[in-house]
Amino acid sequence: MKVWIDQDLCTGDGLCEEICPPVFTLLDDGLAYVKDNGEVLNNPGGSAQMASVPVELEDAVTEASEECPGECIFIEAD
């Protein structure tokens, strides 16, 4: 599974970070970004930077996507 965030849709609520902090983080700009092996993918972010999701975190990433008020988290199957 891979995941990315559309920062244009992000509302900055931080629910994704609360649900799955190993994969999601909020930066100083108030927007959420994905992390891949601890590295924040924010240059440029969006669909250009997808993070691989460890199998043990797939359920949490799916939950974060479902709970996101901005509907900005996108999941792609490997």
Protein backbone atom coordinates (compact mmCIF):
# COMPACT_ATOMS: atom_id res chain seq x y z
CA MET A 1 0.00 0.00 0.00
CA LYS A 2 1.11 3.55 -0.73
CA VAL A 3 -0.40 6.77 0.59
CA TRP A 4 -0.22 10.45 -0.26
CA ILE A 5 -1.96 13.65 0.84
CA ASP A 6 -3.40 16.41 -1.34
CA GLN A 7 -2.32 19.48 0.62
CA ASP A 8 -4.79 21.65 -1.34
CA LEU A 9 -7.61 19.74 0.39
CA CYS A 10 -6.00 19.41 3.82
CA THR A 11 -7.83 21.22 6.62
CA GLY A 12 -4.99 20.77 9.13
CA ASP A 13 -7.15 19.06 11.75
CA GLY A 14 -4.39 16.58 12.57
CA LEU A 15 -6.61 13.52 12.95
CA CYS A 16 -4.33 11.55 10.64
CA GLU A 17 -1.33 12.30 12.84
CA GLU A 18 -3.29 11.28 15.94
CA ILE A 19 -4.39 8.01 14.35
CA CYS A 20 -1.09 7.03 12.72
CA PRO A 21 1.91 9.20 13.71
CA PRO A 22 4.49 6.91 12.07
CA VAL A 23 3.00 7.79 8.64
CA PHE A 24 1.47 11.27 9.02
CA THR A 25 2.75 14.58 10.37
CA LEU A 26 1.69 18.22 10.44
CA LEU A 27 4.32 20.80 9.56
CA ASP A 28 4.68 24.49 10.41
CA ASP A 29 2.51 25.39 7.40
CA GLY A 30 -0.43 23.73 9.21
CA LEU A 31 -0.80 20.99 6.60
CA ALA A 32 -0.40 17.24 6.83
CA TYR A 33 2.27 15.30 4.97
CA VAL A 34 3.20 11.65 4.73
CA LYS A 35 6.39 10.14 6.09
CA ASP A 36 8.33 7.29 4.53
CA ASN A 37 10.70 5.55 6.95
CA GLY A 38 10.64 8.67 9.14
CA GLU A 39 11.45 11.07 6.27
CA VAL A 40 8.81 13.76 5.70
CA LEU A 41 7.85 13.94 2.03
CA ASN A 42 7.10 17.63 1.62
CA ASN A 43 9.12 18.65 -1.41
CA PRO A 44 6.82 19.01 -3.31
CA GLY A 45 4.36 16.79 -1.41
CA GLY A 46 1.07 15.75 -2.99
CA SER A 47 0.84 12.83 -5.39
CA ALA A 48 4.45 13.38 -6.46
CA GLN A 49 5.52 11.91 -3.13
CA MET A 50 3.87 8.69 -2.07
CA ALA A 51 4.93 6.88 1.08
CA SER A 52 5.09 3.12 1.37
CA VAL A 53 2.97 1.88 4.25
CA PRO A 54 4.28 -0.99 6.39
CA VAL A 55 1.78 -3.87 6.49
CA GLU A 56 1.26 -3.47 10.24
CA LEU A 57 0.12 0.15 9.73
CA GLU A 58 -2.27 -0.40 6.81
CA ASP A 59 -5.39 -0.54 9.02
CA ALA A 60 -4.41 2.70 10.80
CA VAL A 61 -3.73 4.47 7.49
CA THR A 62 -7.09 3.30 6.14
CA GLU A 63 -8.80 4.58 9.30
CA ALA A 64 -7.03 7.94 8.97
CA SER A 65 -8.21 8.21 5.37
CA GLU A 66 -11.79 7.42 6.34
CA GLU A 67 -11.80 9.88 9.28
CA CYS A 68 -10.11 12.78 7.44
CA PRO A 69 -12.49 15.78 7.35
CA GLY A 70 -10.76 17.18 4.26
CA GLU A 71 -10.90 13.85 2.42
CA CYS A 72 -7.33 14.54 1.32
CA ILE A 73 -5.67 11.18 2.06
CA PHE A 74 -5.35 8.91 -0.95
CA ILE A 75 -4.41 5.25 -0.81
CA GLU A 76 -3.07 3.20 -3.70
CA ALA A 77 -2.66 -0.57 -3.69
CA ASP A 78 0.75 -1.97 -4.53
